[in-house]
PDB file of N, CA and C in Angstrom:
ATOM      1  N   UNK A   1     -18.169  29.278   6.034  1.00  0.00           N
ATOM      2  CA  UNK A   1     -19.144  28.353   6.596  1.00  0.00           C
ATOM      3  C   UNK A   1     -20.337  28.262   5.662  1.00  0.00           C
ATOM      4  N   UNK A   2     -20.875  27.092   5.496  1.00  0.00           N
ATOM      5  CA  UNK A   2     -22.028  26.897   4.624  1.00  0.00           C
ATOM      6  C   UNK A   2     -23.257  27.582   5.220  1.00  0.00           C
ATOM      7  N   UNK A   3     -24.237  27.835   4.365  1.00  0.00           N
ATOM      8  CA  UNK A   3     -25.425  28.558   4.806  1.00  0.00           C
ATOM      9  C   UNK A   3     -26.201  27.801   5.887  1.00  0.00           C
ATOM     10  N   UNK A   4     -26.966  28.542   6.675  1.00  0.00           N
ATOM     11  CA  UNK A   4     -27.825  28.001   7.736  1.00  0.00           C
ATOM     12  C   UNK A   4     -27.059  27.190   8.778  1.00  0.00           C
ATOM     13  N   UNK A   5     -25.794  27.493   8.995  1.00  0.00           N
ATOM     14  CA  UNK A   5     -25.043  26.759   9.999  1.00  0.00           C
ATOM     15  C   UNK A   5     -24.753  25.327   9.605  1.00  0.00           C
ATOM     16  N   UNK A   6     -25.020  24.987   8.356  1.00  0.00           N
ATOM     17  CA  UNK A   6     -24.773  23.636   7.873  1.00  0.00           C
ATOM     18  C   UNK A   6     -23.273  23.365   7.849  1.00  0.00           C
ATOM     19  N   UNK A   7     -22.918  22.128   8.080  1.00  0.00           N
ATOM     20  CA  UNK A   7     -21.499  21.766   8.060  1.00  0.00           C
ATOM     21  C   UNK A   7     -21.049  21.321   6.674  1.00  0.00           C
ATOM     22  N   UNK A   8     -21.989  21.219   5.748  1.00  0.00           N
ATOM     23  CA  UNK A   8     -21.640  20.850   4.383  1.00  0.00           C
ATOM     24  C   UNK A   8     -22.361  21.767   3.394  1.00  0.00           C
ATOM     25  N   UNK A   9     -21.746  21.941   2.249  1.00  0.00           N
ATOM     26  CA  UNK A   9     -22.360  22.688   1.153  1.00  0.00           C
ATOM     27  C   UNK A   9     -22.617  21.670   0.047  1.00  0.00           C
ATOM     28  N   UNK A  10     -23.848  21.579  -0.393  1.00  0.00           N
ATOM     29  CA  UNK A  10     -24.212  20.594  -1.405  1.00  0.00           C
ATOM     30  C   UNK A  10     -24.567  21.309  -2.697  1.00  0.00           C
ATOM     31  N   UNK A  11     -23.948  20.874  -3.789  1.00  0.00           N
ATOM     32  CA  UNK A  11     -24.320  21.379  -5.105  1.00  0.00           C
ATOM     33  C   UNK A  11     -24.632  20.181  -5.990  1.00  0.00           C
ATOM     34  N   UNK A  12     -25.498  20.406  -6.966  1.00  0.00           N
ATOM     35  CA  UNK A  12     -25.883  19.337  -7.882  1.00  0.00           C
ATOM     36  C   UNK A  12     -25.263  19.618  -9.249  1.00  0.00           C
ATOM     37  N   UNK A  13     -24.654  18.599  -9.809  1.00  0.00           N
ATOM     38  CA  UNK A  13     -24.111  18.687 -11.159  1.00  0.00           C
ATOM     39  C   UNK A  13     -24.711  17.527 -11.938  1.00  0.00           C
ATOM     40  N   UNK A  14     -25.707  17.834 -12.748  1.00  0.00           N
ATOM     41  CA  UNK A  14     -26.486  16.808 -13.447  1.00  0.00           C
ATOM     42  C   UNK A  14     -27.091  15.853 -12.415  1.00  0.00           C
ATOM     43  N   UNK A  15     -26.729  14.588 -12.447  1.00  0.00           N
ATOM     44  CA  UNK A  15     -27.313  13.634 -11.492  1.00  0.00           C
ATOM     45  C   UNK A  15     -26.366  13.321 -10.334  1.00  0.00           C
ATOM     46  N   UNK A  16     -25.363  14.171 -10.142  1.00  0.00           N
ATOM     47  CA  UNK A  16     -24.364  13.943  -9.096  1.00  0.00           C
ATOM     48  C   UNK A  16     -24.473  15.019  -8.021  1.00  0.00           C
ATOM     49  N   UNK A  17     -24.402  14.593  -6.767  1.00  0.00           N
ATOM     50  CA  UNK A  17     -24.381  15.540  -5.644  1.00  0.00           C
ATOM     51  C   UNK A  17     -22.930  15.731  -5.199  1.00  0.00           C
ATOM     52  N   UNK A  18     -22.510  16.981  -5.123  1.00  0.00           N
ATOM     53  CA  UNK A  18     -21.143  17.301  -4.707  1.00  0.00           C
ATOM     54  C   UNK A  18     -21.214  17.946  -3.329  1.00  0.00           C
ATOM     55  N   UNK A  19     -20.519  17.356  -2.383  1.00  0.00           N
ATOM     56  CA  UNK A  19     -20.535  17.836  -1.003  1.00  0.00           C
ATOM     57  C   UNK A  19     -19.160  18.398  -0.660  1.00  0.00           C
ATOM     58  N   UNK A  20     -19.154  19.652  -0.203  1.00  0.00           N
ATOM     59  CA  UNK A  20     -17.923  20.278   0.291  1.00  0.00           C
ATOM     60  C   UNK A  20     -18.098  20.511   1.785  1.00  0.00           C
ATOM     61  N   UNK A  21     -17.053  20.252   2.525  1.00  0.00           N
ATOM     62  CA  UNK A  21     -17.107  20.408   3.977  1.00  0.00           C
ATOM     63  C   UNK A  21     -16.775  21.841   4.366  1.00  0.00           C
ATOM     64  N   UNK A  22     -17.559  22.392   5.297  1.00  0.00           N
ATOM     65  CA  UNK A  22     -17.334  23.761   5.763  1.00  0.00           C
ATOM     66  C   UNK A  22     -16.186  23.816   6.764  1.00  0.00           C
ATOM     67  N   UNK A  23     -16.015  22.753   7.532  1.00  0.00           N
ATOM     68  CA  UNK A  23     -15.017  22.746   8.607  1.00  0.00           C
ATOM     69  C   UNK A  23     -13.633  22.354   8.095  1.00  0.00           C
ATOM     70  N   UNK A  24     -12.611  23.045   8.598  1.00  0.00           N
ATOM     71  CA  UNK A  24     -11.237  22.683   8.263  1.00  0.00           C
ATOM     72  C   UNK A  24     -10.789  21.462   9.064  1.00  0.00           C
ATOM     73  N   UNK A  25     -11.391  21.306  10.245  1.00  0.00           N
ATOM     74  CA  UNK A  25     -11.055  20.175  11.108  1.00  0.00           C
ATOM     75  C   UNK A  25     -12.335  19.400  11.408  1.00  0.00           C
ATOM     76  N   UNK A  26     -12.338  18.131  11.068  1.00  0.00           N
ATOM     77  CA  UNK A  26     -13.475  17.266  11.377  1.00  0.00           C
ATOM     78  C   UNK A  26     -12.981  16.298  12.440  1.00  0.00           C
ATOM     79  N   UNK A  27     -13.105  16.747  13.690  1.00  0.00           N
ATOM     80  CA  UNK A  27     -12.481  16.019  14.785  1.00  0.00           C
ATOM     81  C   UNK A  27     -13.460  15.633  15.891  1.00  0.00           C
ATOM     82  N   UNK A  28     -14.328  16.563  16.310  1.00  0.00           N
ATOM     83  CA  UNK A  28     -15.135  16.288  17.496  1.00  0.00           C
ATOM     84  C   UNK A  28     -16.427  15.541  17.146  1.00  0.00           C
ATOM     85  N   UNK A  29     -16.929  14.823  18.138  1.00  0.00           N
ATOM     86  CA  UNK A  29     -18.093  13.945  17.944  1.00  0.00           C
ATOM     87  C   UNK A  29     -19.320  14.704  17.448  1.00  0.00           C
ATOM     88  N   UNK A  30     -19.574  15.894  17.993  1.00  0.00           N
ATOM     89  CA  UNK A  30     -20.757  16.656  17.592  1.00  0.00           C
ATOM     90  C   UNK A  30     -20.671  17.039  16.122  1.00  0.00           C
ATOM     91  N   UNK A  31     -19.542  17.532  15.713  1.00  0.00           N
ATOM     92  CA  UNK A  31     -19.314  17.904  14.312  1.00  0.00           C
ATOM     93  C   UNK A  31     -19.541  16.698  13.401  1.00  0.00           C
ATOM     94  N   UNK A  32     -18.960  15.571  13.756  1.00  0.00           N
ATOM     95  CA  UNK A  32     -19.077  14.349  12.947  1.00  0.00           C
ATOM     96  C   UNK A  32     -20.529  13.883  12.887  1.00  0.00           C
ATOM     97  N   UNK A  33     -21.225  13.926  14.024  1.00  0.00           N
ATOM     98  CA  UNK A  33     -22.630  13.508  14.068  1.00  0.00           C
ATOM     99  C   UNK A  33     -23.489  14.403  13.179  1.00  0.00           C
ATOM    100  N   UNK A  34     -23.243  15.711  13.206  1.00  0.00           N
ATOM    101  CA  UNK A  34     -24.013  16.640  12.374  1.00  0.00           C
ATOM    102  C   UNK A  34     -23.746  16.389  10.891  1.00  0.00           C
ATOM    103  N   UNK A  35     -22.491  16.171  10.540  1.00  0.00           N
ATOM    104  CA  UNK A  35     -22.149  15.871   9.141  1.00  0.00           C
ATOM    105  C   UNK A  35     -22.820  14.564   8.717  1.00  0.00           C
ATOM    106  N   UNK A  36     -22.737  13.549   9.566  1.00  0.00           N
ATOM    107  CA  UNK A  36     -23.339  12.260   9.228  1.00  0.00           C
ATOM    108  C   UNK A  36     -24.839  12.406   9.024  1.00  0.00           C
ATOM    109  N   UNK A  37     -25.512  13.142   9.894  1.00  0.00           N
ATOM    110  CA  UNK A  37     -26.954  13.341   9.752  1.00  0.00           C
ATOM    111  C   UNK A  37     -27.288  13.985   8.408  1.00  0.00           C
ATOM    112  N   UNK A  38     -26.523  15.020   8.042  1.00  0.00           N
ATOM    113  CA  UNK A  38     -26.771  15.713   6.775  1.00  0.00           C
ATOM    114  C   UNK A  38     -26.534  14.783   5.585  1.00  0.00           C
ATOM    115  N   UNK A  39     -25.459  14.005   5.627  1.00  0.00           N
ATOM    116  CA  UNK A  39     -25.138  13.116   4.512  1.00  0.00           C
ATOM    117  C   UNK A  39     -26.141  11.966   4.410  1.00  0.00           C
ATOM    118  N   UNK A  40     -26.566  11.424   5.541  1.00  0.00           N
ATOM    119  CA  UNK A  40     -27.551  10.337   5.531  1.00  0.00           C
ATOM    120  C   UNK A  40     -28.873  10.833   4.946  1.00  0.00           C
ATOM    121  N   UNK A  41     -29.276  12.054   5.300  1.00  0.00           N
ATOM    122  CA  UNK A  41     -30.505  12.625   4.718  1.00  0.00           C
ATOM    123  C   UNK A  41     -30.390  12.720   3.203  1.00  0.00           C
ATOM    124  N   UNK A  42     -29.219  13.140   2.724  1.00  0.00           N
ATOM    125  CA  UNK A  42     -28.989  13.229   1.278  1.00  0.00           C
ATOM    126  C   UNK A  42     -29.132  11.865   0.618  1.00  0.00           C
ATOM    127  N   UNK A  43     -28.490  10.871   1.202  1.00  0.00           N
ATOM    128  CA  UNK A  43     -28.503   9.515   0.631  1.00  0.00           C
ATOM    129  C   UNK A  43     -29.920   8.943   0.676  1.00  0.00           C
ATOM    130  N   UNK A  44     -30.599   9.113   1.807  1.00  0.00           N
ATOM    131  CA  UNK A  44     -31.960   8.589   1.937  1.00  0.00           C
ATOM    132  C   UNK A  44     -32.922   9.258   0.964  1.00  0.00           C
ATOM    133  N   UNK A  45     -32.678  10.518   0.658  1.00  0.00           N
ATOM    134  CA  UNK A  45     -33.592  11.263  -0.200  1.00  0.00           C
ATOM    135  C   UNK A  45     -33.290  11.174  -1.683  1.00  0.00           C
ATOM    136  N   UNK A  46     -32.281  10.422  -2.056  1.00  0.00           N
ATOM    137  CA  UNK A  46     -31.864  10.365  -3.460  1.00  0.00           C
ATOM    138  C   UNK A  46     -31.679   8.916  -3.893  1.00  0.00           C
ATOM    139  N   UNK A  47     -32.609   8.373  -4.695  1.00  0.00           N
ATOM    140  CA  UNK A  47     -32.419   7.001  -5.171  1.00  0.00           C
ATOM    141  C   UNK A  47     -31.189   6.917  -6.092  1.00  0.00           C
ATOM    142  N   UNK A  48     -30.483   5.807  -6.035  1.00  0.00           N
ATOM    143  CA  UNK A  48     -29.281   5.601  -6.868  1.00  0.00           C
ATOM    144  C   UNK A  48     -28.332   6.795  -6.791  1.00  0.00           C
ATOM    145  N   UNK A  49     -28.102   7.290  -5.583  1.00  0.00           N
ATOM    146  CA  UNK A  49     -27.316   8.507  -5.398  1.00  0.00           C
ATOM    147  C   UNK A  49     -25.896   8.358  -5.934  1.00  0.00           C
ATOM    148  N   UNK A  50     -25.431   9.430  -6.588  1.00  0.00           N
ATOM    149  CA  UNK A  50     -24.036   9.554  -6.987  1.00  0.00           C
ATOM    150  C   UNK A  50     -23.499  10.708  -6.168  1.00  0.00           C
ATOM    151  N   UNK A  51     -22.582  10.384  -5.258  1.00  0.00           N
ATOM    152  CA  UNK A  51     -22.131  11.350  -4.266  1.00  0.00           C
ATOM    153  C   UNK A  51     -20.625  11.541  -4.363  1.00  0.00           C
ATOM    154  N   UNK A  52     -20.207  12.793  -4.422  1.00  0.00           N
ATOM    155  CA  UNK A  52     -18.782  13.125  -4.393  1.00  0.00           C
ATOM    156  C   UNK A  52     -18.543  13.953  -3.140  1.00  0.00           C
ATOM    157  N   UNK A  53     -17.611  13.509  -2.306  1.00  0.00           N
ATOM    158  CA  UNK A  53     -17.215  14.276  -1.127  1.00  0.00           C
ATOM    159  C   UNK A  53     -15.875  14.945  -1.428  1.00  0.00           C
ATOM    160  N   UNK A  54     -15.886  16.274  -1.453  1.00  0.00           N
ATOM    161  CA  UNK A  54     -14.664  17.033  -1.711  1.00  0.00           C
ATOM    162  C   UNK A  54     -14.058  17.497  -0.391  1.00  0.00           C
ATOM    163  N   UNK A  55     -12.828  17.091  -0.140  1.00  0.00           N
ATOM    164  CA  UNK A  55     -12.134  17.412   1.108  1.00  0.00           C
ATOM    165  C   UNK A  55     -11.183  18.597   0.946  1.00  0.00           C
ATOM    166  N   UNK A  56     -11.437  19.436  -0.052  1.00  0.00           N
ATOM    167  CA  UNK A  56     -10.552  20.561  -0.334  1.00  0.00           C
ATOM    168  C   UNK A  56     -10.294  21.478   0.846  1.00  0.00           C
ATOM    169  N   UNK A  57     -11.309  21.702   1.697  1.00  0.00           N
ATOM    170  CA  UNK A  57     -11.156  22.590   2.861  1.00  0.00           C
ATOM    171  C   UNK A  57     -10.583  21.877   4.077  1.00  0.00           C
ATOM    172  N   UNK A  58     -10.615  20.553   4.080  1.00  0.00           N
ATOM    173  CA  UNK A  58     -10.333  19.784   5.292  1.00  0.00           C
ATOM    174  C   UNK A  58      -8.831  19.559   5.468  1.00  0.00           C
ATOM    175  N   UNK A  59      -8.339  19.926   6.665  1.00  0.00           N
ATOM    176  CA  UNK A  59      -6.923  19.738   6.977  1.00  0.00           C
ATOM    177  C   UNK A  59      -6.693  18.638   8.003  1.00  0.00           C
ATOM    178  N   UNK A  60      -7.714  18.357   8.813  1.00  0.00           N
ATOM    179  CA  UNK A  60      -7.589  17.315   9.841  1.00  0.00           C
ATOM    180  C   UNK A  60      -8.865  16.499   9.894  1.00  0.00           C
ATOM    181  N   UNK A  61      -8.687  15.189  10.040  1.00  0.00           N
ATOM    182  CA  UNK A  61      -9.805  14.254  10.062  1.00  0.00           C
ATOM    183  C   UNK A  61      -9.528  13.240  11.164  1.00  0.00           C
ATOM    184  N   UNK A  62     -10.478  13.035  12.068  1.00  0.00           N
ATOM    185  CA  UNK A  62     -10.266  12.088  13.165  1.00  0.00           C
ATOM    186  C   UNK A  62     -10.614  10.668  12.727  1.00  0.00           C
ATOM    187  N   UNK A  63     -10.228   9.703  13.549  1.00  0.00           N
ATOM    188  CA  UNK A  63     -10.572   8.306  13.252  1.00  0.00           C
ATOM    189  C   UNK A  63     -12.085   8.109  13.316  1.00  0.00           C
ATOM    190  N   UNK A  64     -12.767   8.875  14.166  1.00  0.00           N
ATOM    191  CA  UNK A  64     -14.234   8.793  14.226  1.00  0.00           C
ATOM    192  C   UNK A  64     -14.849   9.274  12.912  1.00  0.00           C
ATOM    193  N   UNK A  65     -14.237  10.268  12.300  1.00  0.00           N
ATOM    194  CA  UNK A  65     -14.710  10.750  11.002  1.00  0.00           C
ATOM    195  C   UNK A  65     -14.516   9.670   9.934  1.00  0.00           C
ATOM    196  N   UNK A  66     -13.405   8.942  10.019  1.00  0.00           N
ATOM    197  CA  UNK A  66     -13.183   7.829   9.084  1.00  0.00           C
ATOM    198  C   UNK A  66     -14.271   6.771   9.267  1.00  0.00           C
ATOM    199  N   UNK A  67     -14.620   6.490  10.510  1.00  0.00           N
ATOM    200  CA  UNK A  67     -15.690   5.535  10.790  1.00  0.00           C
ATOM    201  C   UNK A  67     -17.012   5.987  10.188  1.00  0.00           C
ATOM    202  N   UNK A  68     -17.290   7.284  10.288  1.00  0.00           N
ATOM    203  CA  UNK A  68     -18.506   7.836   9.695  1.00  0.00           C
ATOM    204  C   UNK A  68     -18.503   7.649   8.182  1.00  0.00           C
ATOM    205  N   UNK A  69     -17.346   7.838   7.549  1.00  0.00           N
ATOM    206  CA  UNK A  69     -17.240   7.657   6.101  1.00  0.00           C
ATOM    207  C   UNK A  69     -17.466   6.198   5.702  1.00  0.00           C
ATOM    208  N   UNK A  70     -16.963   5.275   6.508  1.00  0.00           N
ATOM    209  CA  UNK A  70     -17.169   3.840   6.238  1.00  0.00           C
ATOM    210  C   UNK A  70     -18.657   3.512   6.312  1.00  0.00           C
ATOM    211  N   UNK A  71     -19.337   4.018   7.343  1.00  0.00           N
ATOM    212  CA  UNK A  71     -20.777   3.795   7.493  1.00  0.00           C
ATOM    213  C   UNK A  71     -21.527   4.392   6.312  1.00  0.00           C
ATOM    214  N   UNK A  72     -21.163   5.606   5.917  1.00  0.00           N
ATOM    215  CA  UNK A  72     -21.805   6.267   4.784  1.00  0.00           C
ATOM    216  C   UNK A  72     -21.599   5.461   3.500  1.00  0.00           C
ATOM    217  N   UNK A  73     -20.379   4.975   3.292  1.00  0.00           N
ATOM    218  CA  UNK A  73     -20.061   4.184   2.108  1.00  0.00           C
ATOM    219  C   UNK A  73     -20.967   2.954   2.016  1.00  0.00           C
ATOM    220  N   UNK A  74     -21.144   2.258   3.139  1.00  0.00           N
ATOM    221  CA  UNK A  74     -22.016   1.068   3.167  1.00  0.00           C
ATOM    222  C   UNK A  74     -23.454   1.441   2.841  1.00  0.00           C
ATOM    223  N   UNK A  75     -23.909   2.564   3.393  1.00  0.00           N
ATOM    224  CA  UNK A  75     -25.282   3.016   3.158  1.00  0.00           C
ATOM    225  C   UNK A  75     -25.491   3.357   1.682  1.00  0.00           C
ATOM    226  N   UNK A  76     -24.545   4.085   1.092  1.00  0.00           N
ATOM    227  CA  UNK A  76     -24.640   4.461  -0.327  1.00  0.00           C
ATOM    228  C   UNK A  76     -24.689   3.207  -1.198  1.00  0.00           C
ATOM    229  N   UNK A  77     -23.786   2.264  -0.953  1.00  0.00           N
ATOM    230  CA  UNK A  77     -23.746   1.046  -1.767  1.00  0.00           C
ATOM    231  C   UNK A  77     -24.980   0.180  -1.531  1.00  0.00           C
ATOM    232  N   UNK A  78     -25.512   0.212  -0.312  1.00  0.00           N
ATOM    233  CA  UNK A  78     -26.729  -0.528  -0.001  1.00  0.00           C
ATOM    234  C   UNK A  78     -27.946  -0.011  -0.750  1.00  0.00           C
ATOM    235  N   UNK A  79     -27.869   1.250  -1.203  1.00  0.00           N
ATOM    236  CA  UNK A  79     -28.971   1.852  -1.958  1.00  0.00           C
ATOM    237  C   UNK A  79     -28.620   1.948  -3.448  1.00  0.00           C
ATOM    238  N   UNK A  80     -27.703   1.094  -3.898  1.00  0.00           N
ATOM    239  CA  UNK A  80     -27.281   1.053  -5.305  1.00  0.00           C
ATOM    240  C   UNK A  80     -26.704   2.384  -5.785  1.00  0.00           C
ATOM    241  N   UNK A  81     -26.071   3.099  -4.874  1.00  0.00           N
ATOM    242  CA  UNK A  81     -25.457   4.361  -5.247  1.00  0.00           C
ATOM    243  C   UNK A  81     -23.959   4.216  -5.386  1.00  0.00           C
ATOM    244  N   UNK A  82     -23.291   5.342  -5.557  1.00  0.00           N
ATOM    245  CA  UNK A  82     -21.836   5.348  -5.687  1.00  0.00           C
ATOM    246  C   UNK A  82     -21.283   6.553  -4.938  1.00  0.00           C
ATOM    247  N   UNK A  83     -20.113   6.365  -4.336  1.00  0.00           N
ATOM    248  CA  UNK A  83     -19.461   7.408  -3.559  1.00  0.00           C
ATOM    249  C   UNK A  83     -18.022   7.553  -4.023  1.00  0.00           C
ATOM    250  N   UNK A  84     -17.619   8.802  -4.251  1.00  0.00           N
ATOM    251  CA  UNK A  84     -16.231   9.099  -4.592  1.00  0.00           C
ATOM    252  C   UNK A  84     -15.732  10.184  -3.645  1.00  0.00           C
ATOM    253  N   UNK A  85     -14.453  10.099  -3.296  1.00  0.00           N
ATOM    254  CA  UNK A  85     -13.813  11.112  -2.474  1.00  0.00           C
ATOM    255  C   UNK A  85     -12.776  11.824  -3.335  1.00  0.00           C
ATOM    256  N   UNK A  86     -12.607  13.130  -3.119  1.00  0.00           N
ATOM    257  CA  UNK A  86     -11.596  13.849  -3.903  1.00  0.00           C
ATOM    258  C   UNK A  86     -11.010  15.000  -3.107  1.00  0.00           C
ATOM    259  N   UNK A  87      -9.962  15.592  -3.678  1.00  0.00           N
ATOM    260  CA  UNK A  87      -9.285  16.753  -3.094  1.00  0.00           C
ATOM    261  C   UNK A  87      -8.792  16.492  -1.672  1.00  0.00           C
ATOM    262  N   UNK A  88      -8.288  15.286  -1.434  1.00  0.00           N
ATOM    263  CA  UNK A  88      -7.805  14.932  -0.098  1.00  0.00           C
ATOM    264  C   UNK A  88      -6.346  15.366   0.033  1.00  0.00           C
ATOM    265  N   UNK A  89      -6.068  16.136   1.061  1.00  0.00           N
ATOM    266  CA  UNK A  89      -4.700  16.618   1.290  1.00  0.00           C
ATOM    267  C   UNK A  89      -3.759  15.434   1.580  1.00  0.00           C
ATOM    268  N   UNK A  90      -2.482  15.566   1.214  1.00  0.00           N
ATOM    269  CA  UNK A  90      -1.539  14.439   1.350  1.00  0.00           C
ATOM    270  C   UNK A  90      -1.484  13.817   2.749  1.00  0.00           C
ATOM    271  N   UNK A  91      -1.518  14.655   3.803  1.00  0.00           N
ATOM    272  CA  UNK A  91      -1.401  14.102   5.153  1.00  0.00           C
ATOM    273  C   UNK A  91      -2.638  13.268   5.521  1.00  0.00           C
ATOM    274  N   UNK A  92      -3.799  13.621   4.988  1.00  0.00           N
ATOM    275  CA  UNK A  92      -5.012  12.832   5.245  1.00  0.00           C
ATOM    276  C   UNK A  92      -5.008  11.588   4.360  1.00  0.00           C
ATOM    277  N   UNK A  93      -4.578  11.748   3.121  1.00  0.00           N
ATOM    278  CA  UNK A  93      -4.510  10.609   2.205  1.00  0.00           C
ATOM    279  C   UNK A  93      -3.591   9.523   2.758  1.00  0.00           C
ATOM    280  N   UNK A  94      -2.541   9.933   3.429  1.00  0.00           N
ATOM    281  CA  UNK A  94      -1.617   8.971   4.036  1.00  0.00           C
ATOM    282  C   UNK A  94      -2.338   8.095   5.066  1.00  0.00           C
ATOM    283  N   UNK A  95      -3.260   8.701   5.817  1.00  0.00           N
ATOM    284  CA  UNK A  95      -4.045   7.939   6.791  1.00  0.00           C
ATOM    285  C   UNK A  95      -4.916   6.904   6.069  1.00  0.00           C
ATOM    286  N   UNK A  96      -5.524   7.303   4.957  1.00  0.00           N
ATOM    287  CA  UNK A  96      -6.321   6.357   4.166  1.00  0.00           C
ATOM    288  C   UNK A  96      -5.443   5.196   3.689  1.00  0.00           C
ATOM    289  N   UNK A  97      -4.223   5.517   3.267  1.00  0.00           N
ATOM    290  CA  UNK A  97      -3.304   4.477   2.779  1.00  0.00           C
ATOM    291  C   UNK A  97      -2.858   3.542   3.900  1.00  0.00           C
ATOM    292  N   UNK A  98      -2.483   4.111   5.050  1.00  0.00           N
ATOM    293  CA  UNK A  98      -2.008   3.310   6.181  1.00  0.00           C
ATOM    294  C   UNK A  98      -3.104   2.366   6.669  1.00  0.00           C
ATOM    295  N   UNK A  99      -4.343   2.861   6.717  1.00  0.00           N
ATOM    296  CA  UNK A  99      -5.467   2.061   7.224  1.00  0.00           C
ATOM    297  C   UNK A  99      -6.094   1.192   6.128  1.00  0.00           C
ATOM    298  N   UNK A 100      -5.532   1.266   4.936  1.00  0.00           N
ATOM    299  CA  UNK A 100      -6.016   0.532   3.768  1.00  0.00           C
ATOM    300  C   UNK A 100      -7.436   0.945   3.337  1.00  0.00           C
ATOM    301  N   UNK A 101      -7.892   2.076   3.823  1.00  0.00           N
ATOM    302  CA  UNK A 101      -9.202   2.573   3.396  1.00  0.00           C
ATOM    303  C   UNK A 101      -9.164   3.060   1.953  1.00  0.00           C
ATOM    304  N   UNK A 102      -7.955   3.295   1.443  1.00  0.00           N
ATOM    305  CA  UNK A 102      -7.832   3.666   0.031  1.00  0.00           C
ATOM    306  C   UNK A 102      -8.316   2.535  -0.878  1.00  0.00           C
ATOM    307  N   UNK A 103      -8.363   1.293  -0.340  1.00  0.00           N
ATOM    308  CA  UNK A 103      -8.870   0.148  -1.113  1.00  0.00           C
ATOM    309  C   UNK A 103     -10.404   0.114  -1.069  1.00  0.00           C
ATOM    310  N   UNK A 104     -10.989   0.659  -0.003  1.00  0.00           N
ATOM    311  CA  UNK A 104     -12.440   0.634   0.163  1.00  0.00           C
ATOM    312  C   UNK A 104     -13.118   1.760  -0.619  1.00  0.00           C
ATOM    313  N   UNK A 105     -12.465   2.917  -0.647  1.00  0.00           N
ATOM    314  CA  UNK A 105     -13.066   4.099  -1.252  1.00  0.00           C
ATOM    315  C   UNK A 105     -12.517   4.347  -2.654  1.00  0.00           C
ATOM    316  N   UNK A 106     -13.354   4.955  -3.478  1.00  0.00           N
ATOM    317  CA  UNK A 106     -12.925   5.421  -4.792  1.00  0.00           C
ATOM    318  C   UNK A 106     -12.397   6.837  -4.577  1.00  0.00           C
ATOM    319  N   UNK A 107     -11.068   6.972  -4.503  1.00  0.00           N
ATOM    320  CA  UNK A 107     -10.447   8.267  -4.230  1.00  0.00           C
ATOM    321  C   UNK A 107      -9.867   8.828  -5.522  1.00  0.00           C
ATOM    322  N   UNK A 108     -10.297  10.033  -5.867  1.00  0.00           N
ATOM    323  CA  UNK A 108      -9.846  10.712  -7.083  1.00  0.00           C
ATOM    324  C   UNK A 108      -9.010  11.934  -6.688  1.00  0.00           C
ATOM    325  N   UNK A 109      -8.071  12.333  -7.545  1.00  0.00           N
ATOM    326  CA  UNK A 109      -7.197  13.455  -7.176  1.00  0.00           C
ATOM    327  C   UNK A 109      -7.946  14.783  -7.040  1.00  0.00           C
ATOM    328  N   UNK A 110      -8.965  14.997  -7.877  1.00  0.00           N
ATOM    329  CA  UNK A 110      -9.688  16.270  -7.828  1.00  0.00           C
ATOM    330  C   UNK A 110     -11.130  16.084  -8.287  1.00  0.00           C
ATOM    331  N   UNK A 111     -11.888  17.161  -8.186  1.00  0.00           N
ATOM    332  CA  UNK A 111     -13.316  17.117  -8.506  1.00  0.00           C
ATOM    333  C   UNK A 111     -13.564  16.748  -9.967  1.00  0.00           C
ATOM    334  N   UNK A 112     -12.751  17.294 -10.865  1.00  0.00           N
ATOM    335  CA  UNK A 112     -12.928  16.995 -12.296  1.00  0.00           C
ATOM    336  C   UNK A 112     -12.800  15.496 -12.560  1.00  0.00           C
ATOM    337  N   UNK A 113     -11.807  14.861 -11.939  1.00  0.00           N
ATOM    338  CA  UNK A 113     -11.606  13.417 -12.128  1.00  0.00           C
ATOM    339  C   UNK A 113     -12.768  12.627 -11.526  1.00  0.00           C
ATOM    340  N   UNK A 114     -13.256  13.065 -10.374  1.00  0.00           N
ATOM    341  CA  UNK A 114     -14.374  12.376  -9.731  1.00  0.00           C
ATOM    342  C   UNK A 114     -15.637  12.478 -10.586  1.00  0.00           C
ATOM    343  N   UNK A 115     -15.906  13.656 -11.135  1.00  0.00           N
ATOM    344  CA  UNK A 115     -17.075  13.842 -12.011  1.00  0.00           C
ATOM    345  C   UNK A 115     -16.930  12.994 -13.262  1.00  0.00           C
ATOM    346  N   UNK A 116     -15.740  12.994 -13.844  1.00  0.00           N
ATOM    347  CA  UNK A 116     -15.492  12.228 -15.073  1.00  0.00           C
ATOM    348  C   UNK A 116     -15.758  10.755 -14.854  1.00  0.00           C
ATOM    349  N   UNK A 117     -15.421  10.257 -13.662  1.00  0.00           N
ATOM    350  CA  UNK A 117     -15.640   8.850 -13.340  1.00  0.00           C
ATOM    351  C   UNK A 117     -17.117   8.480 -13.372  1.00  0.00           C
ATOM    352  N   UNK A 118     -17.993   9.413 -13.038  1.00  0.00           N
ATOM    353  CA  UNK A 118     -19.425   9.149 -13.071  1.00  0.00           C
ATOM    354  C   UNK A 118     -19.997   9.243 -14.473  1.00  0.00           C
ATOM    355  N   UNK A 119     -19.363  10.047 -15.310  1.00  0.00           N
ATOM    356  CA  UNK A 119     -19.894  10.269 -16.658  1.00  0.00           C
ATOM    357  C   UNK A 119     -19.354   9.252 -17.658  1.00  0.00           C
ATOM    358  N   UNK A 120     -18.369   8.481 -17.238  1.00  0.00           N
ATOM    359  CA  UNK A 120     -17.752   7.506 -18.159  1.00  0.00           C
ATOM    360  C   UNK A 120     -18.690   6.341 -18.410  1.00  0.00           C
TER     361      UNK A 120
END
């Protein structure tokens, strides 16, 4: 679990913020609301934010969590930022593909590829 009961762990790599999720399952409304609040604060506090969300720990994601990601994506792009997703397990990636969200999001296979995309 991330420090201070936080649901995300944030690290900075140059001008990029890397977010790792503490929860293996992002399913319930309270969990999703807390994650959204933390991510929105990050986006609001960082002009031209470059954000990478690493799903390495996440095994289950609800449709409400997908909705939160869509809202976050719009907010990031509205502030001239960029958002990349990485380390998504195959069963979750399949949901992105079925819902065509793979067309909306910049999904990279791993953190190295996501970072490289920002440095290119």
